Structure formats: structure tokens, C-alpha cells
């Protein structure tokens, strides 16, 4: 969740522009204090902190954030919030539809049919940072 910095934090209503999530799973870092939890409650989002001394509960999120950083944002210059949203939207589509995952037998989470015939062409994604290969 990315919220813009505002002089008046109440001036931004998350629900106006986006569908709010039902809950947020987070670790017990001191950065998430009472102000953070009150803002979540004001937005109608349940706070779901992980158990103390249970780093395994946060592993999936840490892995996803690491993949986003290593494969996307470390290689691009983000101009503003809207630009970041477009980048993450395109990367999300690539990650879930085209990117092979070893844990899925080198398939994508959204399965696709195997194409056996035709020439292979590459379609650039995120300005050529990644490619989608298909047969025509």
C-alpha cells in the first residue's frame, strides 16, 4: 500500500480512488504505531499483525517485495505516484500471467496453453526490462 505524503493526512481518502483491502498483515515493527493503526481503522481496514518471534509468517510478503524490487523498481526511475502505479500494474500482469515460476514447474500462476507451432516473437514489457515470448 502506497500512500502519498500530505500536510494533512486526513486529506487523502483511500476509498475514493481504490477499493480498500479487508485487512493488512504486517510485522510488529515500531514503525507501525498507534497512529498507523488508527488510520487503518478509519479506513475500515482490519489490522492483522504477525505473532511475535514468528518471522516465517512474513516470508511470503518479504519474498514478493524482494522480487518486485530486484526485477522491477531497482531498474527504473519512478517519476510520481501515478507512474509507480502504472509500473506495478504492468509488472503484476507480467508476474502473474507470463513470468515462469520454478515452484509451479516453470509455469505462470495464470496457466496458459502450450503453443507448439509458429515462429517465436518477443514482446517488450516495461520498456524492454522483461519480455513475453509467444508464437505467431
Protein backbone atom coordinates (compact mmCIF):
# COMPACT_ATOMS: atom_id res chain seq x y z
CA UNK A 1 0.00 0.00 0.00
CA UNK A 2 1.49 3.31 -1.05
CA UNK A 3 0.04 6.49 0.41
CA UNK A 4 1.25 9.92 -0.69
CA UNK A 5 2.73 12.26 1.88
CA UNK A 6 0.33 15.10 2.68
CA UNK A 7 0.45 18.02 5.04
CA UNK A 8 -2.96 16.92 6.24
CA UNK A 9 -3.09 13.09 6.32
CA UNK A 10 -6.87 13.15 6.53
CA UNK A 11 -6.98 14.91 3.15
CA UNK A 12 -6.44 11.60 1.33
CA UNK A 13 -9.29 9.14 1.30
CA UNK A 14 -8.02 5.74 0.18
CA UNK A 15 -11.54 4.51 -0.58
CA UNK A 16 -12.22 7.31 -3.08
CA UNK A 17 -9.61 6.13 -5.57
CA UNK A 18 -9.16 2.46 -4.72
CA UNK A 19 -11.00 -0.47 -3.26
CA UNK A 20 -9.69 -0.81 0.28
CA UNK A 21 -8.39 -4.23 1.35
CA UNK A 22 -10.27 -6.07 4.08
CA UNK A 23 -7.14 -6.44 6.22
CA UNK A 24 -3.40 -5.80 6.23
CA UNK A 25 -0.91 -8.37 7.50
CA UNK A 26 2.15 -6.66 8.93
CA UNK A 27 5.06 -7.37 11.23
CA UNK A 28 5.44 -5.88 14.70
CA UNK A 29 7.88 -3.14 13.78
CA UNK A 30 7.69 0.00 15.90
CA UNK A 31 7.13 1.99 12.71
CA UNK A 32 3.53 0.75 12.85
CA UNK A 33 2.43 2.65 15.93
CA UNK A 34 -0.94 3.74 17.21
CA UNK A 35 -1.26 6.46 14.55
CA UNK A 36 -0.94 3.84 11.81
CA UNK A 37 -3.50 1.51 13.39
CA UNK A 38 -5.96 4.38 13.94
CA UNK A 39 -5.68 5.33 10.26
CA UNK A 40 -6.35 1.75 9.24
CA UNK A 41 -9.43 1.66 11.46
CA UNK A 42 -10.64 4.96 10.00
CA UNK A 43 -10.38 3.44 6.51
CA UNK A 44 -12.29 0.34 7.62
CA UNK A 45 -9.26 -1.97 7.30
CA UNK A 46 -8.57 -4.63 9.93
CA UNK A 47 -5.06 -4.74 11.35
CA UNK A 48 -3.54 -8.26 11.39
CA UNK A 49 -0.06 -8.16 12.94
CA UNK A 50 2.01 -11.34 12.80
CA UNK A 51 2.84 -13.18 16.00
CA UNK A 52 5.90 -12.11 17.94
CA UNK A 53 9.08 -14.02 17.07
CA UNK A 54 7.44 -15.70 14.06
CA UNK A 55 9.38 -14.46 11.02
CA UNK A 56 8.07 -17.35 8.91
CA UNK A 57 4.63 -15.68 8.88
CA UNK A 58 6.04 -12.74 6.92
CA UNK A 59 8.15 -14.76 4.46
CA UNK A 60 5.69 -14.73 1.56
CA UNK A 61 5.35 -10.96 1.62
CA UNK A 62 9.11 -10.46 2.01
CA UNK A 63 9.70 -12.73 -1.00
CA UNK A 64 7.19 -10.83 -3.16
CA UNK A 65 8.58 -7.43 -2.17
CA UNK A 66 12.10 -8.68 -2.91
CA UNK A 67 11.02 -9.91 -6.35
CA UNK A 68 9.37 -6.58 -7.14
CA UNK A 69 12.50 -4.70 -6.10
CA UNK A 70 15.03 -6.98 -7.84
CA UNK A 71 13.07 -7.46 -11.05
CA UNK A 72 11.37 -4.09 -11.43
CA UNK A 73 11.85 -0.98 -9.32
CA UNK A 74 15.64 -1.26 -8.90
CA UNK A 75 15.97 -0.82 -12.68
CA UNK A 76 13.53 2.04 -13.27
CA UNK A 77 13.24 5.68 -12.31
CA UNK A 78 9.82 6.40 -10.85
CA UNK A 79 8.57 9.91 -11.57
CA UNK A 80 5.47 10.10 -9.36
CA UNK A 81 2.77 8.03 -7.68
CA UNK A 82 0.71 7.54 -10.84
CA UNK A 83 3.80 6.39 -12.73
CA UNK A 84 4.60 3.89 -9.95
CA UNK A 85 1.04 2.54 -10.09
CA UNK A 86 1.31 2.00 -13.87
CA UNK A 87 4.69 0.27 -13.46
CA UNK A 88 3.41 -2.01 -10.69
CA UNK A 89 0.25 -2.78 -12.66
CA UNK A 90 2.26 -3.87 -15.70
CA UNK A 91 4.68 -5.83 -13.53
CA UNK A 92 1.79 -7.52 -11.73
CA UNK A 93 0.34 -8.65 -15.05
CA UNK A 94 3.75 -9.90 -16.19
CA UNK A 95 4.38 -11.65 -12.85
CA UNK A 96 1.02 -13.45 -12.75
CA UNK A 97 0.44 -14.15 -16.46
CA UNK A 98 3.80 -14.55 -18.21
CA UNK A 99 6.71 -14.95 -15.76
CA UNK A 100 7.76 -18.57 -15.17
CA UNK A 101 7.85 -19.69 -11.54
CA UNK A 102 10.09 -22.61 -10.58
CA UNK A 103 7.70 -23.70 -7.81
CA UNK A 104 4.96 -24.10 -10.45
CA UNK A 105 7.04 -26.28 -12.78
CA UNK A 106 8.21 -23.21 -14.75
CA UNK A 107 4.64 -22.16 -15.45
CA UNK A 108 2.87 -18.92 -14.53
CA UNK A 109 0.18 -18.67 -11.80
CA UNK A 110 -2.40 -18.00 -14.54
CA UNK A 111 -1.93 -21.09 -16.67
CA UNK A 112 -1.80 -20.75 -20.44
CA UNK A 113 -1.98 -23.31 -23.25
CA UNK A 114 1.25 -24.67 -24.74
CA UNK A 115 1.85 -23.32 -28.24
CA UNK A 116 3.73 -25.87 -30.37
CA UNK A 117 3.82 -24.32 -33.84
CA UNK A 118 4.84 -20.98 -35.29
CA UNK A 119 7.68 -18.50 -35.08
CA UNK A 120 8.67 -17.17 -31.68
CA UNK A 121 8.46 -13.41 -31.19
CA UNK A 122 9.37 -11.29 -28.17
CA UNK A 123 7.07 -8.55 -26.86
CA UNK A 124 8.77 -5.97 -24.64
CA UNK A 125 7.31 -5.33 -21.20
CA UNK A 126 8.21 -2.26 -19.12
CA UNK A 127 10.30 -0.75 -21.91
CA UNK A 128 12.25 -3.95 -22.55
CA UNK A 129 13.10 -4.73 -18.93
CA UNK A 130 11.23 -8.03 -19.37
CA UNK A 131 9.87 -9.84 -22.40
CA UNK A 132 6.88 -12.00 -23.16
CA UNK A 133 7.58 -14.69 -25.73
CA UNK A 134 4.80 -16.05 -27.92
CA UNK A 135 4.33 -17.96 -31.13
CA UNK A 136 2.63 -16.43 -34.15
